[in-house]
Every structure is written in C-alpha cells, then in structure tokens.
Amino acid sequence: MSEEILANAPEEEEMSQEEINSLKKIRMDKLEELKAEGKNPFEITKFDVTSSCAEARADYEAVEAKCKAEAGDDEEKLKALLEENRITVSVAGRVMSRRLMGKASFFDLRDKSDKVQIYVRMNDVGKEEFDRFKKGDIGDIVGVTGYVFRTKMGEISIHAQAVTLLSKSLLPLPEKWHGLKDQDTRYRQRYTDLICNPEVKDTFIKRSQIISSIRRYLDAQGFMEVETPMLVSNAGGASARPFETHYNALDEDVKLRISLELYLKRLIVGGLERVYEIGRVFRNEGVDARHNPEFTLMELYQAYTDYYGMMELTENMFRHLAMEVCGTTSVTYGEHTIDLGKPFERMTMTDAVKKYAGVDFSTVKTTEEAKKLADERHIEYEDRHKRGDILNLFFEEFVEKHLIQPTFIMDHPVEISPLTKRKPENPDYVERFELFINTWEMCNAYSELNDPVDQRQRFIEQEELLKQGDDEANRIDEDFLRALEIGMPPTGGIGYGIDRLVMLLTNSPAIRDVLLFPTMKSID
C-alpha cells in the first residue's frame, strides 16, 4: 500500500502496526535513495537560521505597513516598494502539510514560534532539487532560504529559493489524538504530542514562564536560591512514604527526599536569612489527576517573620504571577473564574468545619468525643488517631470541596503538624495555614518550630506512630535537632506545589498535562 493512500485514510481510523511498518519501509527506501545520491540528510551538521517563522511574518507586516503608508492608493508603487524592500530569510522546522501542484508546491513549516506557508517552484530551485523535494514526507525537518511575500489569498508566505532536507522522518505523524488509548500515548510520547498539538507546547512555555517569574519575584524580595541534597539518610519534613535505594560506595541505604524543609532550615540557622529552592521531590504514593510520585516543589524560609508574613507573601506572589503570565488576576479554570485580585479569605480549620459540617470542635475536648462524632458521620479513622486527626478528617470530608475561591485555612491541630510552632494562647493548635484554590491545597506554611526541646518530643511521638504502622511519620533527625540547639531565629516557611500552580494558570485538567514526562507504568 502506498504512503499517499495511507496518509489519506479517514482520521477516525487508527493505523495498524502493519500499516505503520509499511510506511516506514517506504521512507527507509527514500533515505537509501538519498544516500546513494550523496544527499544523506543525517550528514548535515548545521543550518544557519536567520529568523523564526513568527519573526519572518512580523518583519514582513512591519515593512508592508511602511510601504503602504508611502504608496497610498498607488498599487504599482506599493508593488515596487515591496520588491525594493524584499526581506530574505532562512527558516527551519518540520513539514506539517504538503500540497503538490505540478511545477509548484506549497507546504506548511512549523518551528518553535509558529507555522508559515512555504511556496516552492521548480524554476527557482531547479528540476533536480524540485523532484527530490516532491519525494519528501510530512514530518521531515527542512531548512528554507527565500523571500517573504503575501499570496493572492492574503497569506504571508516564504517564496523558497533553496530547500534543504536536514533530517528524514522515518515514522508518520498521527493524524489526530482521540480516546483513552491515544491520551495514554500522548503522555508516553510527549515529543509527538508537542509536534501535533500546539496548545500543549503553549502549556509548557507558560510553565517555564511561571517558574522564571517566581524566581524574579523572590530574588527582588531579597531571597537567595539554593540547592540541597536529593539523596538523604532521613527523608523528613512531610508526611509521605519515601523511595529507598542503596548507595554502593558507602554501603548505606538512602532515601529520595520527600521535602526540602529540614535542610533549608539548617541554612536559616547558618545565617542565610531568606532562602528558597525549586526542585524535584519524590513520594512513594499513587498516581491520579493531582498526584505524581515525582513532582516539583518550591519551599522558602524567611527569618524574623511568621505565618502571617507568609500569607502576605503568597497573596502578592500569586497576583504577580497571574498578571505576568495570564495578563489578569481573574483566572478561568474549568467552569470557575478564580479571583486572585481581591484579598484571600482567612478561616480557621475549626471554623471551617463548623461552617460546612455543622460540628464545633472547639467544644470537643477528648479523642473519645471526636471518634464518637466520626462514627455518627460515617468518617473512617484509625485506632491511633487522636482528636486533632479526627478534626482534619472532618475538614477533608466536608470542607475541601467548597473551597473554590482562594482561602487560607489556618490553625491546624498540633497532632498533624510536627514541625510547627504552637499557638501560645491555645497550644492544642499551631500557627499553620494551607491555601486552597479550586478545592486544591496549593501551599502549606508554618510559623516554624524553633524550640529544640519541643521538636525532639514531637519527633519521639512521630517515631511512636511509625511503630504503630504509620509509614508516613517522621523519624528523629539528630543533626537537625543539633542545628536547632545551635539556635534558629523565629522563621516563617512555606511550600508550594509548582505543578498544581501551573495547572491552575494554564487551565489544565490533570497533573500529567503539565509534566513533560509524567510517571507511567512500563509497557512490557
């Protein structure tokens, strides 16, 4: 079966592996023919690109506008001026479509910036090169040198004077993506997804802009970017199960970090008063629309402030990002419009549960009372759970789903906050907040616990939970405790899930849509 016939097959039908193999053989034969002619494209080492597709179009529009202003209504003068001010460019990219018409042809070329139409005529490139060009395929990477013009149909195009095959595509591009199977393939073969779906490329360009904007914002606030270890002996700083591996050179078991917290706090102890890190962390957990076992986390720590300082920083930074990346503080996500411009709502966890579940935990004094309430509301819990754990379970069940607009949930129970400073007036709770937007936890912040005696006791309690089967509990970190004993100033700290932030600002439905190469189960 010829490639032309296969290429024109209905889009709804997926090509079989047999058909794909047939197309590959056709293209391999073309490659061998090129090699025999001394035209092996893979021997070409460079092509001097002078303009992107978008730049070529913009430059022509600017020249055209200037010529029109000078020519007025004189069409002949305009034609002469455009000829006199002709723009010659060299562009390179991938062939995305072809229209062969005898001694002249059109094809669409796409580079990282945009797509532009190329006009190729035999009289300009020569019969031999034109015949060779006609044997090309969609997906080939070519370089084109020519001048920019506007066709009779009004489309800005490049009139080719030379076309160079830079890389031969040996497999056909998919016509379209559809169904769950193709969605899975998109994630596994992101390179093809980026070629076929320009909006996907836009998402990842915006992701890069978001991270760059965060860095500029924090740098302007006097923060210093640092790097801390990924392989650690004690993976602490969060409630999560770590990945474990073995370090052969030291004959030691080590873990991949689950958080950035404990090393960054050591730097606060060392006198680096404002630090942040953007990096990968790893949690041995499931995969769903909002979770991937490796993801990008940013944590920052600032000496001499508290969790209220972190709230102010967060509000200002989110507005800054929305304006820089989206051009507005009203962000559309799905069916909701998220207003990042107005002050974020602030609510204690106790008040939130009272509002949405009708249960006032300020009157619940014992674990037994809390468990009785959980039984009445059919909330599942474990024997080891205490009053504070039950309060958090009520919050997860009854409150989170209502938190669409930006809301700071404050003052968590101490049982679920082993690294946070207690509230002096109510030591059963801590100075902590989580920001929720679109029902998602977007960040988690504390007035950091800097009392080494209290911290040791909480680590001991975490070790006891570990013995009771909680494999997400923290272990005692003696070196971190030593750092606290040296002395850490009052400090505010916060961690942001970068991937969820990108999801929000790009209106992406799943975390896999904002990870270039998400975790996937291996195919046998």
Protein backbone atom coordinates (compact mmCIF):
# COMPACT_ATOMS: atom_id res chain seq x y z
CA MET A 1 0.00 0.00 0.00
CA SER A 2 1.43 3.42 -0.95
CA GLU A 3 2.10 6.14 1.59
CA GLU A 4 -0.22 8.51 -0.27
CA ILE A 5 -3.15 6.12 0.13
CA LEU A 6 -2.40 5.53 3.81
CA ALA A 7 -1.97 9.23 4.50
CA ASN A 8 -5.43 9.94 3.10
CA ALA A 9 -7.16 7.28 5.20
CA PRO A 10 -10.08 8.50 7.37
CA GLU A 11 -8.88 10.25 10.54
CA GLU A 12 -11.18 8.19 12.72
CA GLU A 13 -9.29 5.03 11.86
CA GLU A 14 -6.05 4.30 13.63
CA MET A 15 -3.29 2.83 11.51
CA SER A 16 -2.41 -0.72 12.30
CA GLN A 17 1.15 -1.64 13.14
CA GLU A 18 1.35 -3.38 9.76
CA GLU A 19 0.43 -0.13 8.00
CA ILE A 20 2.93 1.84 10.08
CA ASN A 21 5.65 -0.67 9.20
CA SER A 22 4.73 -0.33 5.54
CA LEU A 23 5.08 3.46 5.71
CA LYS A 24 8.38 3.16 7.49
CA LYS A 25 9.72 0.90 4.74
CA ILE A 26 8.69 3.43 2.09
CA ARG A 27 10.53 6.17 3.95
CA MET A 28 13.56 3.99 4.58
CA ASP A 29 13.74 3.31 0.84
CA LYS A 30 13.67 7.05 0.18
CA LEU A 31 16.50 7.54 2.67
CA GLU A 32 18.60 4.88 0.96
CA GLU A 33 17.98 6.58 -2.39
CA LEU A 34 19.16 9.90 -0.92
CA LYS A 35 22.29 8.26 0.44
CA ALA A 36 23.01 6.74 -2.97
CA GLU A 37 22.79 10.22 -4.48
CA GLY A 38 25.20 11.60 -1.88
CA LYS A 39 22.39 13.54 -0.19
CA ASN A 40 22.27 11.84 3.22
CA PRO A 41 20.48 14.41 5.42
CA PHE A 42 21.97 12.97 8.60
CA GLU A 43 25.43 14.08 7.49
CA ILE A 44 24.38 17.74 7.66
CA THR A 45 25.70 19.28 10.89
CA LYS A 46 24.17 22.78 10.87
CA PHE A 47 21.86 25.20 9.11
CA ASP A 48 22.14 28.94 9.64
CA VAL A 49 18.70 30.11 10.77
CA THR A 50 18.25 33.88 10.47
CA SER A 51 14.61 34.16 11.51
CA SER A 52 11.81 32.26 13.18
CA CYS A 53 8.50 31.80 11.40
CA ALA A 54 6.85 34.33 13.68
CA GLU A 55 9.67 36.85 13.21
CA ALA A 56 9.51 36.48 9.42
CA ARG A 57 5.80 37.23 9.48
CA ALA A 58 6.12 40.17 11.88
CA ASP A 59 9.03 41.70 9.95
CA TYR A 60 7.09 41.48 6.68
CA GLU A 61 3.99 43.08 8.23
CA ALA A 62 6.11 45.97 9.50
CA VAL A 63 7.71 46.54 6.08
CA GLU A 64 4.35 46.17 4.34
CA ALA A 65 2.73 48.75 6.62
CA LYS A 66 5.56 51.21 5.95
CA CYS A 67 5.32 50.67 2.18
CA LYS A 68 1.52 51.09 2.20
CA ALA A 69 1.84 54.34 4.09
CA GLU A 70 4.30 55.64 1.49
CA ALA A 71 2.42 54.34 -1.58
CA GLY A 72 -1.06 55.38 -0.55
CA ASP A 73 -3.59 54.14 -3.13
CA ASP A 74 -0.95 53.56 -5.83
CA GLU A 75 -0.90 49.75 -6.22
CA GLU A 76 2.00 49.79 -8.70
CA LYS A 77 4.10 51.92 -6.37
CA LEU A 78 3.27 49.59 -3.49
CA LYS A 79 4.36 46.59 -5.53
CA ALA A 80 7.63 48.31 -6.44
CA LEU A 81 8.31 49.33 -2.84
CA LEU A 82 7.69 45.81 -1.56
CA GLU A 83 10.08 44.47 -4.22
CA GLU A 84 12.67 47.07 -3.28
CA ASN A 85 12.35 46.25 0.45
CA ARG A 86 12.21 42.49 0.00
CA ILE A 87 13.05 40.50 3.15
CA THR A 88 15.17 37.39 2.67
CA VAL A 89 15.18 34.84 5.50
CA SER A 90 16.42 31.38 6.35
CA VAL A 91 13.97 29.38 8.47
CA ALA A 92 13.99 25.77 9.62
CA GLY A 93 11.37 23.46 11.04
CA ARG A 94 9.13 20.47 10.47
CA VAL A 95 6.92 19.91 7.43
CA MET A 96 3.35 19.66 8.71
CA SER A 97 1.38 19.50 5.42
CA ARG A 98 2.07 19.43 1.67
CA ARG A 99 0.12 20.45 -1.43
CA LEU A 100 1.83 19.30 -4.65
CA MET A 101 0.74 21.05 -7.87
CA GLY A 102 2.86 20.19 -10.88
CA LYS A 103 5.78 22.57 -11.16
CA ALA A 104 4.93 24.43 -7.94
CA SER A 105 4.06 23.30 -4.45
CA PHE A 106 3.08 24.65 -1.05
CA PHE A 107 3.90 23.21 2.35
CA ASP A 108 3.47 24.36 5.94
CA LEU A 109 6.61 24.64 8.05
CA ARG A 110 6.41 24.78 11.84
CA ASP A 111 9.17 25.85 14.21
CA LYS A 112 9.08 26.66 17.94
CA SER A 113 7.42 30.03 17.31
CA ASP A 114 4.66 29.37 14.79
CA LYS A 115 3.79 27.98 11.38
CA VAL A 116 4.44 29.58 7.98
CA GLN A 117 3.49 28.61 4.42
CA ILE A 118 6.36 27.87 2.01
CA TYR A 119 5.99 28.25 -1.77
CA VAL A 120 8.39 26.08 -3.82
CA ARG A 121 8.67 26.48 -7.59
CA MET A 122 10.75 24.29 -9.91
CA ASN A 123 12.07 27.31 -11.85
CA ASP A 124 13.59 28.70 -8.62
CA VAL A 125 15.18 25.60 -7.06
CA GLY A 126 15.94 23.63 -10.25
CA LYS A 127 14.31 20.49 -11.61
CA GLU A 128 16.62 18.04 -9.82
CA GLU A 129 16.08 19.60 -6.39
CA PHE A 130 12.36 20.05 -7.05
CA ASP A 131 11.95 16.38 -7.93
CA ARG A 132 13.86 15.44 -4.81
CA PHE A 133 11.71 17.79 -2.75
CA LYS A 134 8.49 16.19 -4.07
CA LYS A 135 9.64 12.84 -2.63
CA GLY A 136 9.72 14.32 0.85
CA ASP A 137 7.27 13.46 3.60
CA ILE A 138 5.20 15.14 6.28
CA GLY A 139 7.36 15.16 9.38
CA ASP A 140 10.65 15.85 7.57
CA ILE A 141 12.78 18.65 9.02
CA VAL A 142 13.90 21.13 6.38
CA GLY A 143 15.72 24.43 6.07
CA VAL A 144 14.36 27.05 3.68
CA THR A 145 16.01 30.18 2.30
CA GLY A 146 13.78 32.61 0.43
CA TYR A 147 11.96 35.93 0.50
CA VAL A 148 8.75 36.78 2.34
CA PHE A 149 5.65 37.80 0.38
CA ARG A 150 1.88 37.83 0.61
CA THR A 151 -0.07 35.47 -1.67
CA LYS A 152 -3.11 36.47 -3.70
CA MET A 153 -5.17 34.76 -0.99
CA GLY A 154 -3.66 37.14 1.55
CA GLU A 155 -1.42 34.67 3.40
CA ILE A 156 2.10 35.73 4.35
CA SER A 157 4.42 33.06 2.94
CA ILE A 158 8.04 32.42 2.03
CA HIS A 159 8.99 32.04 -1.62
CA ALA A 160 11.71 29.38 -1.45
CA GLN A 161 14.96 29.84 -3.32
CA ALA A 162 16.53 26.78 -1.71
CA VAL A 163 15.12 23.89 0.33
CA THR A 164 17.48 21.64 2.31
CA LEU A 165 16.44 18.34 3.88
CA LEU A 166 18.03 18.39 7.36
CA SER A 167 16.52 15.26 8.89
CA LYS A 168 14.41 12.48 7.42
CA SER A 169 11.28 11.45 9.34
CA LEU A 170 11.02 7.66 9.20
CA LEU A 171 7.70 7.29 11.02
CA PRO A 172 4.42 9.03 10.13
CA LEU A 173 2.89 11.61 12.44
CA PRO A 174 -0.54 10.70 13.83
CA GLU A 175 -3.43 12.47 12.14
CA LYS A 176 -5.23 13.21 15.39
CA TRP A 177 -5.47 12.04 19.01
CA HIS A 178 -8.69 10.51 20.28
CA GLY A 179 -9.85 8.25 23.07
CA LEU A 180 -8.12 7.00 26.20
CA LYS A 181 -5.57 4.95 24.30
CA ASP A 182 -4.29 7.97 22.42
CA GLN A 183 -4.32 10.06 25.61
CA ASP A 184 -2.01 7.46 27.12
CA THR A 185 0.22 7.62 24.05
CA ARG A 186 0.38 11.41 24.28
CA TYR A 187 1.96 11.15 27.73
CA ARG A 188 4.31 8.34 26.74
CA GLN A 189 5.39 10.02 23.50
CA ARG A 190 5.38 13.67 24.54
CA TYR A 191 7.65 14.52 21.61
CA THR A 192 4.84 13.58 19.18
CA ASP A 193 2.25 15.34 21.32
CA LEU A 194 4.27 18.57 21.16
CA ILE A 195 4.52 18.31 17.36
CA CYS A 196 0.84 17.64 16.73
CA ASN A 197 -0.80 19.81 19.39
CA PRO A 198 0.46 23.43 19.51
CA GLU A 199 -1.61 24.14 22.63
CA VAL A 200 0.47 21.54 24.52
CA LYS A 201 3.64 23.41 23.64
CA ASP A 202 1.97 26.62 24.86
CA THR A 203 1.30 25.00 28.24
CA PHE A 204 4.95 24.13 28.74
CA ILE A 205 6.12 27.52 27.54
CA LYS A 206 3.82 29.03 30.15
CA ARG A 207 5.18 26.63 32.79
CA SER A 208 8.67 27.91 32.11
CA GLN A 209 7.41 31.50 32.33
CA ILE A 210 5.76 30.78 35.70
CA ILE A 211 8.94 29.40 37.22
CA SER A 212 11.03 32.25 35.81
CA SER A 213 8.52 34.76 37.18
CA ILE A 214 8.67 33.14 40.65
CA ARG A 215 12.44 33.43 40.65
CA ARG A 216 12.36 37.09 39.63
CA TYR A 217 9.78 37.88 42.29
CA LEU A 218 11.63 36.18 45.12
CA ASP A 219 15.02 37.50 44.05
CA ALA A 220 13.56 41.02 44.16
CA GLN A 221 12.37 40.29 47.72
CA GLY A 222 15.93 39.51 48.80
CA PHE A 223 15.66 35.71 48.72
CA MET A 224 18.60 33.53 47.73
CA GLU A 225 18.11 30.40 45.63
CA VAL A 226 19.95 27.34 46.94
CA GLU A 227 20.26 23.61 46.27
CA THR A 228 20.05 20.86 48.88
CA PRO A 229 20.55 17.06 48.73
CA MET A 230 18.13 14.73 46.98
CA LEU A 231 19.66 11.54 48.41
CA VAL A 232 19.28 11.63 52.18
CA SER A 233 19.63 9.28 55.10
CA ASN A 234 16.48 10.62 56.78
CA ALA A 235 13.64 11.76 54.50
CA GLY A 236 11.72 14.14 56.74
CA GLY A 237 9.79 17.38 56.52
CA ALA A 238 6.48 15.92 55.30
CA SER A 239 4.06 13.10 55.90
CA ALA A 240 4.85 10.78 53.00
CA ARG A 241 6.39 7.41 52.23
CA PRO A 242 9.86 7.77 50.65
CA PHE A 243 11.51 5.81 47.89
CA GLU A 244 14.52 3.86 49.13
CA THR A 245 17.71 2.79 47.39
CA HIS A 246 21.21 1.59 48.26
CA TYR A 247 24.39 3.62 47.94
CA ASN A 248 27.02 1.06 46.95
CA ALA A 249 30.10 3.21 47.58
CA LEU A 250 29.16 3.81 51.23
CA ASP A 251 27.25 0.55 51.67
CA GLU A 252 24.32 2.50 53.09
CA ASP A 253 20.60 2.57 52.46
CA VAL A 254 19.46 6.05 51.46
CA LYS A 255 16.16 7.67 50.52
CA LEU A 256 14.99 10.15 47.92
CA ARG A 257 13.85 13.34 49.60
CA ILE A 258 10.14 13.91 50.18
CA SER A 259 10.56 17.54 51.17
CA LEU A 260 13.07 20.42 51.10
CA GLU A 261 12.32 21.63 54.61
CA LEU A 262 14.92 20.36 57.03
CA TYR A 263 17.99 21.31 55.00
CA LEU A 264 16.63 24.78 54.23
CA LYS A 265 16.02 25.36 57.95
CA ARG A 266 19.64 24.40 58.60
CA LEU A 267 20.58 27.29 56.29
CA ILE A 268 18.41 29.67 58.32
CA VAL A 269 20.36 28.53 61.38
CA GLY A 270 23.55 29.26 59.43
CA GLY A 271 22.52 32.86 58.85
CA LEU A 272 21.12 32.75 55.30
CA GLU A 273 18.01 34.62 56.37
CA ARG A 274 15.93 34.30 53.17
CA VAL A 275 16.33 31.13 51.11
CA TYR A 276 14.29 29.19 48.59
CA GLU A 277 14.67 26.09 46.46
CA ILE A 278 12.73 24.86 43.44
CA GLY A 279 13.35 21.17 42.88
CA ARG A 280 12.07 17.66 42.44
CA VAL A 281 10.84 15.67 45.43
CA PHE A 282 9.76 12.04 45.43
CA ARG A 283 6.89 10.39 47.28
CA ASN A 284 6.10 6.70 47.02
CA GLU A 285 2.37 7.15 46.50
CA GLY A 286 -0.30 6.64 43.88
CA VAL A 287 -0.91 8.49 40.64
CA ASP A 288 -4.09 10.48 39.98
CA ALA A 289 -5.22 13.78 38.45
CA ARG A 290 -3.31 15.80 41.07
CA HIS A 291 -0.51 13.47 42.17
CA ASN A 292 2.66 12.17 40.54
CA PRO A 293 5.34 10.33 42.54
CA GLU A 294 7.98 12.83 41.43
CA PHE A 295 6.91 16.45 41.31
CA THR A 296 8.27 19.97 41.58
CA LEU A 297 8.14 21.63 44.96
CA MET A 298 9.24 25.09 46.00
CA GLU A 299 9.96 25.87 49.61
CA LEU A 300 11.10 29.17 51.06
CA TYR A 301 12.09 30.26 54.54
CA GLN A 302 12.35 33.78 55.93
CA ALA A 303 13.86 34.65 59.30
CA TYR A 304 12.10 37.04 61.69
CA THR A 305 8.59 36.58 60.33
CA ASP A 306 5.68 34.21 60.96
CA TYR A 307 2.83 32.56 59.10
CA TYR A 308 1.06 35.88 58.65
CA GLY A 309 4.13 37.11 56.78
CA MET A 310 3.89 34.01 54.59
CA MET A 311 0.22 34.79 53.85
CA GLU A 312 1.12 38.28 52.69
CA LEU A 313 3.97 37.00 50.52
CA THR A 314 1.75 34.31 48.99
CA GLU A 315 -1.11 36.64 48.09
CA ASN A 316 1.25 39.12 46.48
CA MET A 317 3.18 36.47 44.58
CA PHE A 318 0.07 34.74 43.20
CA ARG A 319 -1.27 38.07 41.92
CA HIS A 320 2.13 38.88 40.41
CA LEU A 321 2.25 35.53 38.61
CA ALA A 322 -1.29 35.81 37.28
CA MET A 323 -0.63 39.28 35.86
CA GLU A 324 2.75 38.36 34.35
CA VAL A 325 1.70 35.04 32.83
CA CYS A 326 -2.04 35.45 32.17
CA GLY A 327 -2.36 39.23 31.98
CA THR A 328 -5.19 39.26 34.54
CA THR A 329 -5.91 38.35 38.14
CA SER A 330 -9.19 36.67 37.11
CA VAL A 331 -8.14 33.18 36.07
CA THR A 332 -10.50 30.75 34.37
CA TYR A 333 -10.27 27.14 35.45
CA GLY A 334 -12.91 24.80 34.06
CA GLU A 335 -16.31 26.28 34.87
CA HIS A 336 -14.97 28.61 37.56
CA THR A 337 -13.45 32.08 37.44
CA ILE A 338 -10.86 32.33 40.20
CA ASP A 339 -10.43 35.88 41.54
CA LEU A 340 -6.84 36.33 42.68
CA GLY A 341 -7.22 40.11 42.81
CA LYS A 342 -9.28 40.50 45.96
CA PRO A 343 -8.00 39.68 49.48
CA PHE A 344 -7.92 35.93 50.10
CA GLU A 345 -10.42 34.67 52.66
CA ARG A 346 -9.00 33.52 56.01
CA MET A 347 -10.69 30.88 58.13
CA THR A 348 -9.52 28.60 60.94
CA MET A 349 -9.88 24.87 60.39
CA THR A 350 -12.24 24.68 63.37
CA ASP A 351 -14.46 27.45 61.98
CA ALA A 352 -14.45 25.86 58.51
CA VAL A 353 -15.61 22.52 59.89
CA LYS A 354 -18.26 24.29 61.93
CA LYS A 355 -19.48 26.17 58.83
CA TYR A 356 -19.62 23.26 56.41
CA ALA A 357 -20.10 20.20 58.66
CA GLY A 358 -22.10 21.78 61.48
CA VAL A 359 -19.72 20.40 64.11
CA ASP A 360 -17.98 22.72 66.57
CA PHE A 361 -14.68 21.09 67.55
CA SER A 362 -13.95 23.90 70.00
CA THR A 363 -16.40 22.10 72.32
CA VAL A 364 -14.86 18.66 71.66
CA LYS A 365 -12.34 18.06 74.42
CA THR A 366 -11.34 14.41 74.12
CA THR A 367 -10.37 11.87 71.49
CA GLU A 368 -13.31 9.70 72.55
CA GLU A 369 -15.79 12.50 71.84
CA ALA A 370 -14.16 13.11 68.44
CA LYS A 371 -14.34 9.45 67.47
CA LYS A 372 -17.98 9.30 68.51
CA LEU A 373 -18.74 12.23 66.20
CA ALA A 374 -16.81 10.49 63.41
CA ASP A 375 -18.88 7.33 63.92
CA GLU A 376 -22.10 9.37 63.71
CA ARG A 377 -20.97 10.99 60.44
CA HIS A 378 -19.52 7.75 58.99
CA ILE A 379 -15.99 9.13 58.93
CA GLU A 380 -13.41 6.33 58.86
CA TYR A 381 -10.41 6.65 61.16
CA GLU A 382 -7.64 4.51 62.64
CA ASP A 383 -7.20 3.48 66.28
CA ARG A 384 -4.07 5.62 66.58
CA HIS A 385 -5.90 8.79 65.52
CA LYS A 386 -6.40 11.49 68.14
CA ARG A 387 -8.78 14.42 68.41
CA GLY A 388 -6.73 16.59 66.04
CA ASP A 389 -6.55 13.85 63.44
CA ILE A 390 -10.34 13.49 63.54
CA LEU A 391 -10.78 17.25 63.08
CA ASN A 392 -8.59 17.05 59.96
CA LEU A 393 -10.63 14.09 58.63
CA PHE A 394 -13.82 16.15 59.05
CA PHE A 395 -12.15 19.00 57.16
CA GLU A 396 -11.16 16.73 54.28
CA GLU A 397 -14.62 15.18 54.06
CA PHE A 398 -16.86 18.22 54.45
CA VAL A 399 -14.88 21.38 53.72
CA GLU A 400 -12.32 20.99 50.92
CA LYS A 401 -14.91 20.56 48.16
CA HIS A 402 -16.33 24.03 48.93
CA LEU A 403 -13.06 25.97 48.72
CA ILE A 404 -13.14 27.30 45.16
CA GLN A 405 -12.00 30.89 45.69
CA PRO A 406 -8.61 31.48 47.38
CA THR A 407 -8.95 30.64 51.07
CA PHE A 408 -6.33 30.38 53.80
CA ILE A 409 -7.27 27.59 56.22
CA MET A 410 -5.45 28.41 59.44
CA ASP A 411 -4.55 27.00 62.84
CA HIS A 412 -4.29 23.25 62.38
CA PRO A 413 -4.26 20.78 65.27
CA VAL A 414 -0.82 20.01 66.67
CA GLU A 415 -1.23 16.25 66.03
CA ILE A 416 -0.87 16.73 62.26
CA SER A 417 1.81 19.45 62.41
CA PRO A 418 5.03 18.06 63.91
CA LEU A 419 7.29 20.88 62.68
CA THR A 420 5.12 23.89 63.52
CA LYS A 421 5.14 26.39 66.39
CA ARG A 422 2.21 26.09 68.79
CA LYS A 423 -0.22 28.96 69.27
CA PRO A 424 0.76 30.45 72.64
CA GLU A 425 -2.85 31.09 73.66
CA ASN A 426 -4.04 27.62 72.57
CA PRO A 427 -1.24 25.00 72.45
CA ASP A 428 -3.53 22.31 71.01
CA TYR A 429 -3.25 24.19 67.71
CA VAL A 430 -0.33 25.53 65.69
CA GLU A 431 0.47 28.59 63.59
CA ARG A 432 -0.04 26.97 60.22
CA PHE A 433 -2.08 27.59 57.10
CA GLU A 434 -2.87 25.85 53.85
CA LEU A 435 -4.04 27.84 50.84
CA PHE A 436 -6.92 26.22 48.95
CA ILE A 437 -7.97 27.23 45.44
CA ASN A 438 -10.38 25.25 43.26
CA THR A 439 -10.64 22.72 46.15
CA TRP A 440 -6.87 22.02 45.88
CA GLU A 441 -4.23 22.54 48.52
CA MET A 442 -1.85 24.98 46.80
CA CYS A 443 0.65 25.54 49.59
CA ASN A 444 1.39 24.76 53.22
CA ALA A 445 3.01 27.24 55.61
CA TYR A 446 4.11 27.48 59.24
CA SER A 447 5.50 29.67 61.89
CA GLU A 448 8.41 27.26 62.12
CA LEU A 449 9.05 25.36 65.34
CA ASN A 450 12.43 26.52 66.63
CA ASP A 451 12.26 25.06 70.15
CA PRO A 452 14.64 22.05 70.10
CA VAL A 453 13.10 20.51 73.27
CA ASP A 454 9.56 20.63 71.85
CA GLN A 455 10.82 19.43 68.44
CA ARG A 456 12.54 16.41 69.98
CA GLN A 457 9.37 15.46 71.82
CA ARG A 458 7.34 15.68 68.63
CA PHE A 459 9.86 13.55 66.78
CA ILE A 460 9.56 10.96 69.57
CA GLU A 461 5.78 11.00 69.12
CA GLN A 462 6.27 10.55 65.36
CA GLU A 463 8.53 7.56 66.00
CA GLU A 464 5.78 6.02 68.10
CA LEU A 465 3.31 6.49 65.23
CA LEU A 466 5.83 4.79 62.96
CA LYS A 467 5.85 1.78 65.28
CA GLN A 468 2.05 1.73 65.17
CA GLY A 469 2.09 1.36 61.39
CA ASP A 470 2.12 4.94 60.10
CA ASP A 471 4.81 4.63 57.41
CA GLU A 472 4.44 8.34 56.58
CA ALA A 473 5.54 9.51 60.02
CA ASN A 474 8.78 11.44 60.53
CA ARG A 475 11.87 9.92 62.15
CA ILE A 476 14.13 11.62 64.66
CA ASP A 477 16.74 13.69 62.84
CA GLU A 478 19.60 14.24 65.28
CA ASP A 479 21.56 16.56 63.03
CA PHE A 480 18.52 18.79 62.54
CA LEU A 481 17.95 18.84 66.29
CA ARG A 482 21.61 19.80 66.75
CA ALA A 483 21.06 22.72 64.37
CA LEU A 484 18.03 23.87 66.39
CA GLU A 485 20.11 23.64 69.56
CA ILE A 486 22.65 25.99 67.97
CA GLY A 487 19.70 28.36 67.60
CA MET A 488 17.20 29.20 64.84
CA PRO A 489 15.51 32.63 64.79
CA PRO A 490 11.73 32.98 64.56
CA THR A 491 11.03 31.92 60.99
CA GLY A 492 8.17 31.70 58.53
CA GLY A 493 8.28 28.90 55.97
CA ILE A 494 6.11 27.71 53.11
CA GLY A 495 5.98 25.01 50.45
CA TYR A 496 4.26 25.38 47.08
CA GLY A 497 3.27 22.63 44.66
CA ILE A 498 4.54 24.10 41.39
CA ASP A 499 2.68 21.57 39.23
CA ARG A 500 -0.72 22.44 40.70
CA LEU A 501 0.05 26.13 40.31
CA VAL A 502 0.83 25.53 36.63
CA MET A 503 -2.40 23.51 36.28
CA LEU A 504 -4.36 26.46 37.67
CA LEU A 505 -2.75 29.13 35.49
CA THR A 506 -2.95 27.03 32.29
CA ASN A 507 -6.44 25.59 32.84
CA SER A 508 -5.02 22.06 32.64
CA PRO A 509 -7.27 19.23 33.89
CA ALA A 510 -4.58 16.86 35.21
CA ILE A 511 -1.05 17.00 36.57
CA ARG A 512 0.13 14.84 33.67
CA ASP A 513 -0.81 17.69 31.34
CA VAL A 514 1.79 19.96 32.94
CA LEU A 515 4.58 17.37 33.32
CA LEU A 516 6.60 16.83 30.16
CA PHE A 517 7.25 13.19 31.05
CA PRO A 518 4.80 12.01 33.74
CA THR A 519 5.27 8.71 35.52
CA MET A 520 3.71 5.87 33.52
CA LYS A 521 3.54 2.14 34.06
CA SER A 522 6.09 0.42 31.86
CA ILE A 523 4.85 -1.39 28.76
CA ASP A 524 6.10 -4.97 28.57
